[in-house]
Amino acid sequence: MAVIASGNAEGVVEPARQLCATSIQVAPVSLPVIFLHSLRASHVLWYMVWLETRVRFLVALFGILALRAFYTFQGDRVAPPHAGLGYYYGTLHDGMSCRR
């Protein structure tokens, strides 16, 4: 039998000793260990993959967002000062092409 207690381990173990338990082990257990033991094997694999790749994923995501923001805010600097609605319509639908 396994018992997880948040505190007062001796108070939990003492009744087991009085009942002549054959084996008693007391060890600290962290919350991630409890979480991993409660999941099935396939979920543990996905969780471990996420732990290994989350920093790379977040760095790539922020890098893409930063580049997209840079190009978005720099796009109006390449527009001619007399650009009308047609220029912006073409830019939005054709992308940042070099046609003017």
Protein backbone atom coordinates (compact mmCIF):
# COMPACT_ATOMS: atom_id res chain seq x y z
CA MET A 1 0.00 0.00 0.00
CA ALA A 2 1.26 3.48 -0.84
CA VAL A 3 0.30 6.56 1.14
CA ILE A 4 1.08 10.10 0.07
CA ALA A 5 0.97 12.68 2.83
CA SER A 6 1.66 16.39 2.62
CA GLY A 7 3.06 16.53 6.14
CA ASN A 8 3.37 14.72 9.48
CA ALA A 9 4.82 11.55 7.95
CA GLU A 10 5.61 10.05 11.36
CA GLY A 11 1.99 10.50 12.42
CA VAL A 12 0.94 8.48 9.38
CA VAL A 13 3.62 5.79 9.81
CA GLU A 14 3.13 5.23 13.54
CA PRO A 15 -0.26 3.44 13.25
CA ALA A 16 1.27 1.14 10.61
CA ARG A 17 4.10 0.25 13.01
CA GLN A 18 1.59 -0.48 15.77
CA LEU A 19 -0.20 -2.89 13.42
CA CYS A 20 3.12 -4.72 12.82
CA ALA A 21 3.58 -3.74 9.17
CA THR A 22 6.15 -5.90 7.43
CA SER A 23 7.77 -3.07 5.47
CA ILE A 24 7.62 0.71 5.88
CA GLN A 25 9.46 3.13 3.62
CA VAL A 26 9.35 6.88 4.01
CA ALA A 27 10.70 9.01 1.18
CA PRO A 28 10.04 12.51 -0.11
CA VAL A 29 8.18 12.60 -3.41
CA SER A 30 7.97 15.63 -5.68
CA LEU A 31 4.82 16.70 -7.48
CA PRO A 32 6.20 15.96 -11.00
CA VAL A 33 6.95 12.38 -9.93
CA ILE A 34 3.38 11.92 -8.69
CA PHE A 35 2.10 13.43 -11.93
CA LEU A 36 4.23 11.13 -14.09
CA HIS A 37 3.16 8.04 -12.17
CA SER A 38 -0.51 8.93 -12.62
CA LEU A 39 -0.25 9.09 -16.42
CA ARG A 40 -0.26 6.27 -18.92
CA ALA A 41 2.93 5.46 -20.83
CA SER A 42 1.88 7.27 -24.02
CA HIS A 43 1.05 10.44 -22.11
CA VAL A 44 4.37 10.30 -20.30
CA LEU A 45 6.18 10.11 -23.64
CA TRP A 46 4.38 13.22 -24.94
CA TYR A 47 5.03 15.03 -21.65
CA MET A 48 8.74 14.22 -21.80
CA VAL A 49 8.90 15.37 -25.44
CA TRP A 50 7.24 18.64 -24.45
CA LEU A 51 9.72 19.15 -21.60
CA GLU A 52 12.65 18.62 -24.00
CA THR A 53 11.38 20.85 -26.81
CA ARG A 54 9.43 23.63 -25.11
CA VAL A 55 12.34 26.10 -25.02
CA ARG A 56 13.14 25.55 -28.71
CA PHE A 57 9.46 25.83 -29.59
CA LEU A 58 9.00 29.09 -27.68
CA VAL A 59 12.22 30.61 -29.08
CA ALA A 60 11.12 29.74 -32.63
CA LEU A 61 7.62 31.11 -32.01
CA PHE A 62 8.88 34.42 -30.63
CA GLY A 63 11.45 34.65 -33.44
CA ILE A 64 8.77 34.22 -36.08
CA LEU A 65 6.51 36.74 -34.34
CA ALA A 66 9.36 39.26 -34.06
CA LEU A 67 10.27 38.92 -37.74
CA ARG A 68 6.63 39.20 -38.78
CA ALA A 69 6.18 42.32 -36.62
CA PHE A 70 9.36 43.85 -38.07
CA TYR A 71 8.22 43.29 -41.66
CA THR A 72 4.74 44.52 -40.86
CA PHE A 73 5.94 47.77 -39.33
CA GLN A 74 8.64 48.29 -41.95
CA GLY A 75 6.21 47.70 -44.83
CA ASP A 76 4.89 51.25 -44.76
CA ARG A 77 8.43 52.65 -45.19
CA VAL A 78 8.82 51.13 -48.67
CA ALA A 79 5.48 52.54 -49.82
CA PRO A 80 5.75 55.68 -51.93
CA PRO A 81 4.46 58.82 -50.18
CA HIS A 82 1.65 59.18 -52.74
CA ALA A 83 0.52 55.55 -52.41
CA GLY A 84 -3.19 55.17 -52.68
CA LEU A 85 -5.62 52.48 -51.70
CA GLY A 86 -4.68 50.40 -54.76
CA TYR A 87 -1.08 50.05 -53.56
CA TYR A 88 -2.14 48.74 -50.16
CA TYR A 89 -4.76 46.44 -51.70
CA GLY A 90 -2.14 44.96 -54.01
CA THR A 91 0.36 44.63 -51.17
CA LEU A 92 -2.11 42.78 -48.98
CA HIS A 93 -3.21 40.40 -51.72
CA ASP A 94 0.08 39.88 -53.57
CA GLY A 95 2.45 40.09 -50.63
CA MET A 96 5.50 42.31 -50.42
CA SER A 97 6.32 42.12 -54.12
CA CYS A 98 8.59 44.66 -55.78
CA ARG A 99 5.98 45.94 -58.24
CA ARG A 100 5.20 49.61 -57.98
